[in-house]
Structures are given as structure tokens and as C-alpha cells.
PDBML (XML) file of the C-alpha atoms, coordinates in Angstrom:
<?xml version="1.0" encoding="UTF-8" ?>
<PDBx:datablock datablockName="MODEL"
   xmlns:PDBx="http://pdbml.pdb.org/schema/pdbx-v50.xsd"
   xmlns:xsi="http://www.w3.org/2001/XMLSchema-instance"
   xsi:schemaLocation="http://pdbml.pdb.org/schema/pdbx-v50.xsd pdbx-v50.xsd">
   <PDBx:atom_siteCategory>
      <PDBx:atom_site id="1">
         <PDBx:B_iso_or_equiv>0.00</PDBx:B_iso_or_equiv>
         <PDBx:Cartn_x>-108.252</PDBx:Cartn_x>
         <PDBx:Cartn_y>-5.049</PDBx:Cartn_y>
         <PDBx:Cartn_z>-0.924</PDBx:Cartn_z>
         <PDBx:auth_asym_id>A</PDBx:auth_asym_id>
         <PDBx:auth_atom_id>CA</PDBx:auth_atom_id>
         <PDBx:auth_comp_id>LEU</PDBx:auth_comp_id>
         <PDBx:auth_seq_id>1</PDBx:auth_seq_id>
         <PDBx:group_PDB>ATOM</PDBx:group_PDB>
         <PDBx:label_alt_id xsi:nil="true" />
         <PDBx:label_asym_id>A</PDBx:label_asym_id>
         <PDBx:label_atom_id>CA</PDBx:label_atom_id>
         <PDBx:label_comp_id>LEU</PDBx:label_comp_id>
         <PDBx:label_entity_id>1</PDBx:label_entity_id>
         <PDBx:label_seq_id>1</PDBx:label_seq_id>
         <PDBx:occupancy>1.00</PDBx:occupancy>
         <PDBx:pdbx_PDB_model_num>1</PDBx:pdbx_PDB_model_num>
         <PDBx:type_symbol>C</PDBx:type_symbol>
      </PDBx:atom_site>
      <PDBx:atom_site id="2">
         <PDBx:B_iso_or_equiv>0.00</PDBx:B_iso_or_equiv>
         <PDBx:Cartn_x>-108.942</PDBx:Cartn_x>
         <PDBx:Cartn_y>-1.544</PDBx:Cartn_y>
         <PDBx:Cartn_z>-2.265</PDBx:Cartn_z>
         <PDBx:auth_asym_id>A</PDBx:auth_asym_id>
         <PDBx:auth_atom_id>CA</PDBx:auth_atom_id>
         <PDBx:auth_comp_id>ALA</PDBx:auth_comp_id>
         <PDBx:auth_seq_id>2</PDBx:auth_seq_id>
         <PDBx:group_PDB>ATOM</PDBx:group_PDB>
         <PDBx:label_alt_id xsi:nil="true" />
         <PDBx:label_asym_id>A</PDBx:label_asym_id>
         <PDBx:label_atom_id>CA</PDBx:label_atom_id>
         <PDBx:label_comp_id>ALA</PDBx:label_comp_id>
         <PDBx:label_entity_id>1</PDBx:label_entity_id>
         <PDBx:label_seq_id>2</PDBx:label_seq_id>
         <PDBx:occupancy>1.00</PDBx:occupancy>
         <PDBx:pdbx_PDB_model_num>1</PDBx:pdbx_PDB_model_num>
         <PDBx:type_symbol>C</PDBx:type_symbol>
      </PDBx:atom_site>
      <PDBx:atom_site id="3">
         <PDBx:B_iso_or_equiv>0.00</PDBx:B_iso_or_equiv>
         <PDBx:Cartn_x>-105.420</PDBx:Cartn_x>
         <PDBx:Cartn_y>-1.475</PDBx:Cartn_y>
         <PDBx:Cartn_z>-3.736</PDBx:Cartn_z>
         <PDBx:auth_asym_id>A</PDBx:auth_asym_id>
         <PDBx:auth_atom_id>CA</PDBx:auth_atom_id>
         <PDBx:auth_comp_id>ARG</PDBx:auth_comp_id>
         <PDBx:auth_seq_id>3</PDBx:auth_seq_id>
         <PDBx:group_PDB>ATOM</PDBx:group_PDB>
         <PDBx:label_alt_id xsi:nil="true" />
         <PDBx:label_asym_id>A</PDBx:label_asym_id>
         <PDBx:label_atom_id>CA</PDBx:label_atom_id>
         <PDBx:label_comp_id>ARG</PDBx:label_comp_id>
         <PDBx:label_entity_id>1</PDBx:label_entity_id>
         <PDBx:label_seq_id>3</PDBx:label_seq_id>
         <PDBx:occupancy>1.00</PDBx:occupancy>
         <PDBx:pdbx_PDB_model_num>1</PDBx:pdbx_PDB_model_num>
         <PDBx:type_symbol>C</PDBx:type_symbol>
      </PDBx:atom_site>
      <PDBx:atom_site id="4">
         <PDBx:B_iso_or_equiv>0.00</PDBx:B_iso_or_equiv>
         <PDBx:Cartn_x>-105.846</PDBx:Cartn_x>
         <PDBx:Cartn_y>-4.885</PDBx:Cartn_y>
         <PDBx:Cartn_z>-5.381</PDBx:Cartn_z>
         <PDBx:auth_asym_id>A</PDBx:auth_asym_id>
         <PDBx:auth_atom_id>CA</PDBx:auth_atom_id>
         <PDBx:auth_comp_id>LEU</PDBx:auth_comp_id>
         <PDBx:auth_seq_id>4</PDBx:auth_seq_id>
         <PDBx:group_PDB>ATOM</PDBx:group_PDB>
         <PDBx:label_alt_id xsi:nil="true" />
         <PDBx:label_asym_id>A</PDBx:label_asym_id>
         <PDBx:label_atom_id>CA</PDBx:label_atom_id>
         <PDBx:label_comp_id>LEU</PDBx:label_comp_id>
         <PDBx:label_entity_id>1</PDBx:label_entity_id>
         <PDBx:label_seq_id>4</PDBx:label_seq_id>
         <PDBx:occupancy>1.00</PDBx:occupancy>
         <PDBx:pdbx_PDB_model_num>1</PDBx:pdbx_PDB_model_num>
         <PDBx:type_symbol>C</PDBx:type_symbol>
      </PDBx:atom_site>
      <PDBx:atom_site id="5">
         <PDBx:B_iso_or_equiv>0.00</PDBx:B_iso_or_equiv>
         <PDBx:Cartn_x>-109.261</PDBx:Cartn_x>
         <PDBx:Cartn_y>-3.959</PDBx:Cartn_y>
         <PDBx:Cartn_z>-6.803</PDBx:Cartn_z>
         <PDBx:auth_asym_id>A</PDBx:auth_asym_id>
         <PDBx:auth_atom_id>CA</PDBx:auth_atom_id>
         <PDBx:auth_comp_id>ALA</PDBx:auth_comp_id>
         <PDBx:auth_seq_id>5</PDBx:auth_seq_id>
         <PDBx:group_PDB>ATOM</PDBx:group_PDB>
         <PDBx:label_alt_id xsi:nil="true" />
         <PDBx:label_asym_id>A</PDBx:label_asym_id>
         <PDBx:label_atom_id>CA</PDBx:label_atom_id>
         <PDBx:label_comp_id>ALA</PDBx:label_comp_id>
         <PDBx:label_entity_id>1</PDBx:label_entity_id>
         <PDBx:label_seq_id>5</PDBx:label_seq_id>
         <PDBx:occupancy>1.00</PDBx:occupancy>
         <PDBx:pdbx_PDB_model_num>1</PDBx:pdbx_PDB_model_num>
         <PDBx:type_symbol>C</PDBx:type_symbol>
      </PDBx:atom_site>
      <PDBx:atom_site id="6">
         <PDBx:B_iso_or_equiv>0.00</PDBx:B_iso_or_equiv>
         <PDBx:Cartn_x>-108.184</PDBx:Cartn_x>
         <PDBx:Cartn_y>-0.431</PDBx:Cartn_y>
         <PDBx:Cartn_z>-7.875</PDBx:Cartn_z>
         <PDBx:auth_asym_id>A</PDBx:auth_asym_id>
         <PDBx:auth_atom_id>CA</PDBx:auth_atom_id>
         <PDBx:auth_comp_id>SER</PDBx:auth_comp_id>
         <PDBx:auth_seq_id>6</PDBx:auth_seq_id>
         <PDBx:group_PDB>ATOM</PDBx:group_PDB>
         <PDBx:label_alt_id xsi:nil="true" />
         <PDBx:label_asym_id>A</PDBx:label_asym_id>
         <PDBx:label_atom_id>CA</PDBx:label_atom_id>
         <PDBx:label_comp_id>SER</PDBx:label_comp_id>
         <PDBx:label_entity_id>1</PDBx:label_entity_id>
         <PDBx:label_seq_id>6</PDBx:label_seq_id>
         <PDBx:occupancy>1.00</PDBx:occupancy>
         <PDBx:pdbx_PDB_model_num>1</PDBx:pdbx_PDB_model_num>
         <PDBx:type_symbol>C</PDBx:type_symbol>
      </PDBx:atom_site>
      <PDBx:atom_site id="7">
         <PDBx:B_iso_or_equiv>0.00</PDBx:B_iso_or_equiv>
         <PDBx:Cartn_x>-110.862</PDBx:Cartn_x>
         <PDBx:Cartn_y>1.177</PDBx:Cartn_y>
         <PDBx:Cartn_z>-5.708</PDBx:Cartn_z>
         <PDBx:auth_asym_id>A</PDBx:auth_asym_id>
         <PDBx:auth_atom_id>CA</PDBx:auth_atom_id>
         <PDBx:auth_comp_id>LEU</PDBx:auth_comp_id>
         <PDBx:auth_seq_id>7</PDBx:auth_seq_id>
         <PDBx:group_PDB>ATOM</PDBx:group_PDB>
         <PDBx:label_alt_id xsi:nil="true" />
         <PDBx:label_asym_id>A</PDBx:label_asym_id>
         <PDBx:label_atom_id>CA</PDBx:label_atom_id>
         <PDBx:label_comp_id>LEU</PDBx:label_comp_id>
         <PDBx:label_entity_id>1</PDBx:label_entity_id>
         <PDBx:label_seq_id>7</PDBx:label_seq_id>
         <PDBx:occupancy>1.00</PDBx:occupancy>
         <PDBx:pdbx_PDB_model_num>1</PDBx:pdbx_PDB_model_num>
         <PDBx:type_symbol>C</PDBx:type_symbol>
      </PDBx:atom_site>
      <PDBx:atom_site id="8">
         <PDBx:B_iso_or_equiv>0.00</PDBx:B_iso_or_equiv>
         <PDBx:Cartn_x>-110.680</PDBx:Cartn_x>
         <PDBx:Cartn_y>4.207</PDBx:Cartn_y>
         <PDBx:Cartn_z>-3.442</PDBx:Cartn_z>
         <PDBx:auth_asym_id>A</PDBx:auth_asym_id>
         <PDBx:auth_atom_id>CA</PDBx:auth_atom_id>
         <PDBx:auth_comp_id>SER</PDBx:auth_comp_id>
         <PDBx:auth_seq_id>8</PDBx:auth_seq_id>
         <PDBx:group_PDB>ATOM</PDBx:group_PDB>
         <PDBx:label_alt_id xsi:nil="true" />
         <PDBx:label_asym_id>A</PDBx:label_asym_id>
         <PDBx:label_atom_id>CA</PDBx:label_atom_id>
         <PDBx:label_comp_id>SER</PDBx:label_comp_id>
         <PDBx:label_entity_id>1</PDBx:label_entity_id>
         <PDBx:label_seq_id>8</PDBx:label_seq_id>
         <PDBx:occupancy>1.00</PDBx:occupancy>
         <PDBx:pdbx_PDB_model_num>1</PDBx:pdbx_PDB_model_num>
         <PDBx:type_symbol>C</PDBx:type_symbol>
      </PDBx:atom_site>
      <PDBx:atom_site id="9">
         <PDBx:B_iso_or_equiv>0.00</PDBx:B_iso_or_equiv>
         <PDBx:Cartn_x>-112.275</PDBx:Cartn_x>
         <PDBx:Cartn_y>2.149</PDBx:Cartn_y>
         <PDBx:Cartn_z>-0.655</PDBx:Cartn_z>
         <PDBx:auth_asym_id>A</PDBx:auth_asym_id>
         <PDBx:auth_atom_id>CA</PDBx:auth_atom_id>
         <PDBx:auth_comp_id>ALA</PDBx:auth_comp_id>
         <PDBx:auth_seq_id>9</PDBx:auth_seq_id>
         <PDBx:group_PDB>ATOM</PDBx:group_PDB>
         <PDBx:label_alt_id xsi:nil="true" />
         <PDBx:label_asym_id>A</PDBx:label_asym_id>
         <PDBx:label_atom_id>CA</PDBx:label_atom_id>
         <PDBx:label_comp_id>ALA</PDBx:label_comp_id>
         <PDBx:label_entity_id>1</PDBx:label_entity_id>
         <PDBx:label_seq_id>9</PDBx:label_seq_id>
         <PDBx:occupancy>1.00</PDBx:occupancy>
         <PDBx:pdbx_PDB_model_num>1</PDBx:pdbx_PDB_model_num>
         <PDBx:type_symbol>C</PDBx:type_symbol>
      </PDBx:atom_site>
      <PDBx:atom_site id="10">
         <PDBx:B_iso_or_equiv>0.00</PDBx:B_iso_or_equiv>
         <PDBx:Cartn_x>-113.218</PDBx:Cartn_x>
         <PDBx:Cartn_y>-1.463</PDBx:Cartn_y>
         <PDBx:Cartn_z>0.009</PDBx:Cartn_z>
         <PDBx:auth_asym_id>A</PDBx:auth_asym_id>
         <PDBx:auth_atom_id>CA</PDBx:auth_atom_id>
         <PDBx:auth_comp_id>PHE</PDBx:auth_comp_id>
         <PDBx:auth_seq_id>10</PDBx:auth_seq_id>
         <PDBx:group_PDB>ATOM</PDBx:group_PDB>
         <PDBx:label_alt_id xsi:nil="true" />
         <PDBx:label_asym_id>A</PDBx:label_asym_id>
         <PDBx:label_atom_id>CA</PDBx:label_atom_id>
         <PDBx:label_comp_id>PHE</PDBx:label_comp_id>
         <PDBx:label_entity_id>1</PDBx:label_entity_id>
         <PDBx:label_seq_id>10</PDBx:label_seq_id>
         <PDBx:occupancy>1.00</PDBx:occupancy>
         <PDBx:pdbx_PDB_model_num>1</PDBx:pdbx_PDB_model_num>
         <PDBx:type_symbol>C</PDBx:type_symbol>
      </PDBx:atom_site>
      <PDBx:atom_site id="11">
         <PDBx:B_iso_or_equiv>0.00</PDBx:B_iso_or_equiv>
         <PDBx:Cartn_x>-115.517</PDBx:Cartn_x>
         <PDBx:Cartn_y>-2.135</PDBx:Cartn_y>
         <PDBx:Cartn_z>2.941</PDBx:Cartn_z>
         <PDBx:auth_asym_id>A</PDBx:auth_asym_id>
         <PDBx:auth_atom_id>CA</PDBx:auth_atom_id>
         <PDBx:auth_comp_id>HIS</PDBx:auth_comp_id>
         <PDBx:auth_seq_id>11</PDBx:auth_seq_id>
         <PDBx:group_PDB>ATOM</PDBx:group_PDB>
         <PDBx:label_alt_id xsi:nil="true" />
         <PDBx:label_asym_id>A</PDBx:label_asym_id>
         <PDBx:label_atom_id>CA</PDBx:label_atom_id>
         <PDBx:label_comp_id>HIS</PDBx:label_comp_id>
         <PDBx:label_entity_id>1</PDBx:label_entity_id>
         <PDBx:label_seq_id>11</PDBx:label_seq_id>
         <PDBx:occupancy>1.00</PDBx:occupancy>
         <PDBx:pdbx_PDB_model_num>1</PDBx:pdbx_PDB_model_num>
         <PDBx:type_symbol>C</PDBx:type_symbol>
      </PDBx:atom_site>
      <PDBx:atom_site id="12">
         <PDBx:B_iso_or_equiv>0.00</PDBx:B_iso_or_equiv>
         <PDBx:Cartn_x>-115.518</PDBx:Cartn_x>
         <PDBx:Cartn_y>-5.067</PDBx:Cartn_y>
         <PDBx:Cartn_z>5.355</PDBx:Cartn_z>
         <PDBx:auth_asym_id>A</PDBx:auth_asym_id>
         <PDBx:auth_atom_id>CA</PDBx:auth_atom_id>
         <PDBx:auth_comp_id>LEU</PDBx:auth_comp_id>
         <PDBx:auth_seq_id>12</PDBx:auth_seq_id>
         <PDBx:group_PDB>ATOM</PDBx:group_PDB>
         <PDBx:label_alt_id xsi:nil="true" />
         <PDBx:label_asym_id>A</PDBx:label_asym_id>
         <PDBx:label_atom_id>CA</PDBx:label_atom_id>
         <PDBx:label_comp_id>LEU</PDBx:label_comp_id>
         <PDBx:label_entity_id>1</PDBx:label_entity_id>
         <PDBx:label_seq_id>12</PDBx:label_seq_id>
         <PDBx:occupancy>1.00</PDBx:occupancy>
         <PDBx:pdbx_PDB_model_num>1</PDBx:pdbx_PDB_model_num>
         <PDBx:type_symbol>C</PDBx:type_symbol>
      </PDBx:atom_site>
      <PDBx:atom_site id="13">
         <PDBx:B_iso_or_equiv>0.00</PDBx:B_iso_or_equiv>
         <PDBx:Cartn_x>-118.587</PDBx:Cartn_x>
         <PDBx:Cartn_y>-6.056</PDBx:Cartn_y>
         <PDBx:Cartn_z>7.383</PDBx:Cartn_z>
         <PDBx:auth_asym_id>A</PDBx:auth_asym_id>
         <PDBx:auth_atom_id>CA</PDBx:auth_atom_id>
         <PDBx:auth_comp_id>LEU</PDBx:auth_comp_id>
         <PDBx:auth_seq_id>13</PDBx:auth_seq_id>
         <PDBx:group_PDB>ATOM</PDBx:group_PDB>
         <PDBx:label_alt_id xsi:nil="true" />
         <PDBx:label_asym_id>A</PDBx:label_asym_id>
         <PDBx:label_atom_id>CA</PDBx:label_atom_id>
         <PDBx:label_comp_id>LEU</PDBx:label_comp_id>
         <PDBx:label_entity_id>1</PDBx:label_entity_id>
         <PDBx:label_seq_id>13</PDBx:label_seq_id>
         <PDBx:occupancy>1.00</PDBx:occupancy>
         <PDBx:pdbx_PDB_model_num>1</PDBx:pdbx_PDB_model_num>
         <PDBx:type_symbol>C</PDBx:type_symbol>
      </PDBx:atom_site>
      <PDBx:atom_site id="14">
         <PDBx:B_iso_or_equiv>0.00</PDBx:B_iso_or_equiv>
         <PDBx:Cartn_x>-119.153</PDBx:Cartn_x>
         <PDBx:Cartn_y>-8.750</PDBx:Cartn_y>
         <PDBx:Cartn_z>9.964</PDBx:Cartn_z>
         <PDBx:auth_asym_id>A</PDBx:auth_asym_id>
         <PDBx:auth_atom_id>CA</PDBx:auth_atom_id>
         <PDBx:auth_comp_id>ASN</PDBx:auth_comp_id>
         <PDBx:auth_seq_id>14</PDBx:auth_seq_id>
         <PDBx:group_PDB>ATOM</PDBx:group_PDB>
         <PDBx:label_alt_id xsi:nil="true" />
         <PDBx:label_asym_id>A</PDBx:label_asym_id>
         <PDBx:label_atom_id>CA</PDBx:label_atom_id>
         <PDBx:label_comp_id>ASN</PDBx:label_comp_id>
         <PDBx:label_entity_id>1</PDBx:label_entity_id>
         <PDBx:label_seq_id>14</PDBx:label_seq_id>
         <PDBx:occupancy>1.00</PDBx:occupancy>
         <PDBx:pdbx_PDB_model_num>1</PDBx:pdbx_PDB_model_num>
         <PDBx:type_symbol>C</PDBx:type_symbol>
      </PDBx:atom_site>
      <PDBx:atom_site id="15">
         <PDBx:B_iso_or_equiv>0.00</PDBx:B_iso_or_equiv>
         <PDBx:Cartn_x>-120.958</PDBx:Cartn_x>
         <PDBx:Cartn_y>-11.516</PDBx:Cartn_y>
         <PDBx:Cartn_z>8.066</PDBx:Cartn_z>
         <PDBx:auth_asym_id>A</PDBx:auth_asym_id>
         <PDBx:auth_atom_id>CA</PDBx:auth_atom_id>
         <PDBx:auth_comp_id>ASP</PDBx:auth_comp_id>
         <PDBx:auth_seq_id>15</PDBx:auth_seq_id>
         <PDBx:group_PDB>ATOM</PDBx:group_PDB>
         <PDBx:label_alt_id xsi:nil="true" />
         <PDBx:label_asym_id>A</PDBx:label_asym_id>
         <PDBx:label_atom_id>CA</PDBx:label_atom_id>
         <PDBx:label_comp_id>ASP</PDBx:label_comp_id>
         <PDBx:label_entity_id>1</PDBx:label_entity_id>
         <PDBx:label_seq_id>15</PDBx:label_seq_id>
         <PDBx:occupancy>1.00</PDBx:occupancy>
         <PDBx:pdbx_PDB_model_num>1</PDBx:pdbx_PDB_model_num>
         <PDBx:type_symbol>C</PDBx:type_symbol>
      </PDBx:atom_site>
      <PDBx:atom_site id="16">
         <PDBx:B_iso_or_equiv>0.00</PDBx:B_iso_or_equiv>
         <PDBx:Cartn_x>-124.054</PDBx:Cartn_x>
         <PDBx:Cartn_y>-11.473</PDBx:Cartn_y>
         <PDBx:Cartn_z>10.303</PDBx:Cartn_z>
         <PDBx:auth_asym_id>A</PDBx:auth_asym_id>
         <PDBx:auth_atom_id>CA</PDBx:auth_atom_id>
         <PDBx:auth_comp_id>LEU</PDBx:auth_comp_id>
         <PDBx:auth_seq_id>16</PDBx:auth_seq_id>
         <PDBx:group_PDB>ATOM</PDBx:group_PDB>
         <PDBx:label_alt_id xsi:nil="true" />
         <PDBx:label_asym_id>A</PDBx:label_asym_id>
         <PDBx:label_atom_id>CA</PDBx:label_atom_id>
         <PDBx:label_comp_id>LEU</PDBx:label_comp_id>
         <PDBx:label_entity_id>1</PDBx:label_entity_id>
         <PDBx:label_seq_id>16</PDBx:label_seq_id>
         <PDBx:occupancy>1.00</PDBx:occupancy>
         <PDBx:pdbx_PDB_model_num>1</PDBx:pdbx_PDB_model_num>
         <PDBx:type_symbol>C</PDBx:type_symbol>
      </PDBx:atom_site>
      <PDBx:atom_site id="17">
         <PDBx:B_iso_or_equiv>0.00</PDBx:B_iso_or_equiv>
         <PDBx:Cartn_x>-124.269</PDBx:Cartn_x>
         <PDBx:Cartn_y>-7.689</PDBx:Cartn_y>
         <PDBx:Cartn_z>10.045</PDBx:Cartn_z>
         <PDBx:auth_asym_id>A</PDBx:auth_asym_id>
         <PDBx:auth_atom_id>CA</PDBx:auth_atom_id>
         <PDBx:auth_comp_id>GLU</PDBx:auth_comp_id>
         <PDBx:auth_seq_id>17</PDBx:auth_seq_id>
         <PDBx:group_PDB>ATOM</PDBx:group_PDB>
         <PDBx:label_alt_id xsi:nil="true" />
         <PDBx:label_asym_id>A</PDBx:label_asym_id>
         <PDBx:label_atom_id>CA</PDBx:label_atom_id>
         <PDBx:label_comp_id>GLU</PDBx:label_comp_id>
         <PDBx:label_entity_id>1</PDBx:label_entity_id>
         <PDBx:label_seq_id>17</PDBx:label_seq_id>
         <PDBx:occupancy>1.00</PDBx:occupancy>
         <PDBx:pdbx_PDB_model_num>1</PDBx:pdbx_PDB_model_num>
         <PDBx:type_symbol>C</PDBx:type_symbol>
      </PDBx:atom_site>
      <PDBx:atom_site id="18">
         <PDBx:B_iso_or_equiv>0.00</PDBx:B_iso_or_equiv>
         <PDBx:Cartn_x>-124.269</PDBx:Cartn_x>
         <PDBx:Cartn_y>-8.205</PDBx:Cartn_y>
         <PDBx:Cartn_z>6.281</PDBx:Cartn_z>
         <PDBx:auth_asym_id>A</PDBx:auth_asym_id>
         <PDBx:auth_atom_id>CA</PDBx:auth_atom_id>
         <PDBx:auth_comp_id>ALA</PDBx:auth_comp_id>
         <PDBx:auth_seq_id>18</PDBx:auth_seq_id>
         <PDBx:group_PDB>ATOM</PDBx:group_PDB>
         <PDBx:label_alt_id xsi:nil="true" />
         <PDBx:label_asym_id>A</PDBx:label_asym_id>
         <PDBx:label_atom_id>CA</PDBx:label_atom_id>
         <PDBx:label_comp_id>ALA</PDBx:label_comp_id>
         <PDBx:label_entity_id>1</PDBx:label_entity_id>
         <PDBx:label_seq_id>18</PDBx:label_seq_id>
         <PDBx:occupancy>1.00</PDBx:occupancy>
         <PDBx:pdbx_PDB_model_num>1</PDBx:pdbx_PDB_model_num>
         <PDBx:type_symbol>C</PDBx:type_symbol>
      </PDBx:atom_site>
      <PDBx:atom_site id="19">
         <PDBx:B_iso_or_equiv>0.00</PDBx:B_iso_or_equiv>
         <PDBx:Cartn_x>-127.096</PDBx:Cartn_x>
         <PDBx:Cartn_y>-10.744</PDBx:Cartn_y>
         <PDBx:Cartn_z>6.637</PDBx:Cartn_z>
         <PDBx:auth_asym_id>A</PDBx:auth_asym_id>
         <PDBx:auth_atom_id>CA</PDBx:auth_atom_id>
         <PDBx:auth_comp_id>VAL</PDBx:auth_comp_id>
         <PDBx:auth_seq_id>19</PDBx:auth_seq_id>
         <PDBx:group_PDB>ATOM</PDBx:group_PDB>
         <PDBx:label_alt_id xsi:nil="true" />
         <PDBx:label_asym_id>A</PDBx:label_asym_id>
         <PDBx:label_atom_id>CA</PDBx:label_atom_id>
         <PDBx:label_comp_id>VAL</PDBx:label_comp_id>
         <PDBx:label_entity_id>1</PDBx:label_entity_id>
         <PDBx:label_seq_id>19</PDBx:label_seq_id>
         <PDBx:occupancy>1.00</PDBx:occupancy>
         <PDBx:pdbx_PDB_model_num>1</PDBx:pdbx_PDB_model_num>
         <PDBx:type_symbol>C</PDBx:type_symbol>
      </PDBx:atom_site>
      <PDBx:atom_site id="20">
         <PDBx:B_iso_or_equiv>0.00</PDBx:B_iso_or_equiv>
         <PDBx:Cartn_x>-129.010</PDBx:Cartn_x>
         <PDBx:Cartn_y>-8.104</PDBx:Cartn_y>
         <PDBx:Cartn_z>8.592</PDBx:Cartn_z>
         <PDBx:auth_asym_id>A</PDBx:auth_asym_id>
         <PDBx:auth_atom_id>CA</PDBx:auth_atom_id>
         <PDBx:auth_comp_id>GLY</PDBx:auth_comp_id>
         <PDBx:auth_seq_id>20</PDBx:auth_seq_id>
         <PDBx:group_PDB>ATOM</PDBx:group_PDB>
         <PDBx:label_alt_id xsi:nil="true" />
         <PDBx:label_asym_id>A</PDBx:label_asym_id>
         <PDBx:label_atom_id>CA</PDBx:label_atom_id>
         <PDBx:label_comp_id>GLY</PDBx:label_comp_id>
         <PDBx:label_entity_id>1</PDBx:label_entity_id>
         <PDBx:label_seq_id>20</PDBx:label_seq_id>
         <PDBx:occupancy>1.00</PDBx:occupancy>
         <PDBx:pdbx_PDB_model_num>1</PDBx:pdbx_PDB_model_num>
         <PDBx:type_symbol>C</PDBx:type_symbol>
      </PDBx:atom_site>
      <PDBx:atom_site id="21">
         <PDBx:B_iso_or_equiv>0.00</PDBx:B_iso_or_equiv>
         <PDBx:Cartn_x>-128.756</PDBx:Cartn_x>
         <PDBx:Cartn_y>-5.668</PDBx:Cartn_y>
         <PDBx:Cartn_z>5.685</PDBx:Cartn_z>
         <PDBx:auth_asym_id>A</PDBx:auth_asym_id>
         <PDBx:auth_atom_id>CA</PDBx:auth_atom_id>
         <PDBx:auth_comp_id>PHE</PDBx:auth_comp_id>
         <PDBx:auth_seq_id>21</PDBx:auth_seq_id>
         <PDBx:group_PDB>ATOM</PDBx:group_PDB>
         <PDBx:label_alt_id xsi:nil="true" />
         <PDBx:label_asym_id>A</PDBx:label_asym_id>
         <PDBx:label_atom_id>CA</PDBx:label_atom_id>
         <PDBx:label_comp_id>PHE</PDBx:label_comp_id>
         <PDBx:label_entity_id>1</PDBx:label_entity_id>
         <PDBx:label_seq_id>21</PDBx:label_seq_id>
         <PDBx:occupancy>1.00</PDBx:occupancy>
         <PDBx:pdbx_PDB_model_num>1</PDBx:pdbx_PDB_model_num>
         <PDBx:type_symbol>C</PDBx:type_symbol>
      </PDBx:atom_site>
      <PDBx:atom_site id="22">
         <PDBx:B_iso_or_equiv>0.00</PDBx:B_iso_or_equiv>
         <PDBx:Cartn_x>-130.134</PDBx:Cartn_x>
         <PDBx:Cartn_y>-8.356</PDBx:Cartn_y>
         <PDBx:Cartn_z>3.380</PDBx:Cartn_z>
         <PDBx:auth_asym_id>A</PDBx:auth_asym_id>
         <PDBx:auth_atom_id>CA</PDBx:auth_atom_id>
         <PDBx:auth_comp_id>GLY</PDBx:auth_comp_id>
         <PDBx:auth_seq_id>22</PDBx:auth_seq_id>
         <PDBx:group_PDB>ATOM</PDBx:group_PDB>
         <PDBx:label_alt_id xsi:nil="true" />
         <PDBx:label_asym_id>A</PDBx:label_asym_id>
         <PDBx:label_atom_id>CA</PDBx:label_atom_id>
         <PDBx:label_comp_id>GLY</PDBx:label_comp_id>
         <PDBx:label_entity_id>1</PDBx:label_entity_id>
         <PDBx:label_seq_id>22</PDBx:label_seq_id>
         <PDBx:occupancy>1.00</PDBx:occupancy>
         <PDBx:pdbx_PDB_model_num>1</PDBx:pdbx_PDB_model_num>
         <PDBx:type_symbol>C</PDBx:type_symbol>
      </PDBx:atom_site>
      <PDBx:atom_site id="23">
         <PDBx:B_iso_or_equiv>0.00</PDBx:B_iso_or_equiv>
         <PDBx:Cartn_x>-133.261</PDBx:Cartn_x>
         <PDBx:Cartn_y>-9.315</PDBx:Cartn_y>
         <PDBx:Cartn_z>5.333</PDBx:Cartn_z>
         <PDBx:auth_asym_id>A</PDBx:auth_asym_id>
         <PDBx:auth_atom_id>CA</PDBx:auth_atom_id>
         <PDBx:auth_comp_id>LEU</PDBx:auth_comp_id>
         <PDBx:auth_seq_id>23</PDBx:auth_seq_id>
         <PDBx:group_PDB>ATOM</PDBx:group_PDB>
         <PDBx:label_alt_id xsi:nil="true" />
         <PDBx:label_asym_id>A</PDBx:label_asym_id>
         <PDBx:label_atom_id>CA</PDBx:label_atom_id>
         <PDBx:label_comp_id>LEU</PDBx:label_comp_id>
         <PDBx:label_entity_id>1</PDBx:label_entity_id>
         <PDBx:label_seq_id>23</PDBx:label_seq_id>
         <PDBx:occupancy>1.00</PDBx:occupancy>
         <PDBx:pdbx_PDB_model_num>1</PDBx:pdbx_PDB_model_num>
         <PDBx:type_symbol>C</PDBx:type_symbol>
      </PDBx:atom_site>
      <PDBx:atom_site id="24">
         <PDBx:B_iso_or_equiv>0.00</PDBx:B_iso_or_equiv>
         <PDBx:Cartn_x>-135.545</PDBx:Cartn_x>
         <PDBx:Cartn_y>-6.773</PDBx:Cartn_y>
         <PDBx:Cartn_z>3.679</PDBx:Cartn_z>
         <PDBx:auth_asym_id>A</PDBx:auth_asym_id>
         <PDBx:auth_atom_id>CA</PDBx:auth_atom_id>
         <PDBx:auth_comp_id>ASP</PDBx:auth_comp_id>
         <PDBx:auth_seq_id>24</PDBx:auth_seq_id>
         <PDBx:group_PDB>ATOM</PDBx:group_PDB>
         <PDBx:label_alt_id xsi:nil="true" />
         <PDBx:label_asym_id>A</PDBx:label_asym_id>
         <PDBx:label_atom_id>CA</PDBx:label_atom_id>
         <PDBx:label_comp_id>ASP</PDBx:label_comp_id>
         <PDBx:label_entity_id>1</PDBx:label_entity_id>
         <PDBx:label_seq_id>24</PDBx:label_seq_id>
         <PDBx:occupancy>1.00</PDBx:occupancy>
         <PDBx:pdbx_PDB_model_num>1</PDBx:pdbx_PDB_model_num>
         <PDBx:type_symbol>C</PDBx:type_symbol>
      </PDBx:atom_site>
   </PDBx:atom_siteCategory>
</PDBx:datablock>
């Protein structure tokens, strides 16, 4: 994904972990 988006890094998260980051 990083190659396709021309980024040095592209991060994957479990979807519920991502929800956890969004709660606040």
C-alpha cells in the first residue's frame, strides 16, 4: 500500500483497535 500511495510507510490496524483510538 505504501508503494501504491507513494508513501514511506502505510500502517494497518485491527479495525476495533482503530475504534479504540477514536473513542475520545
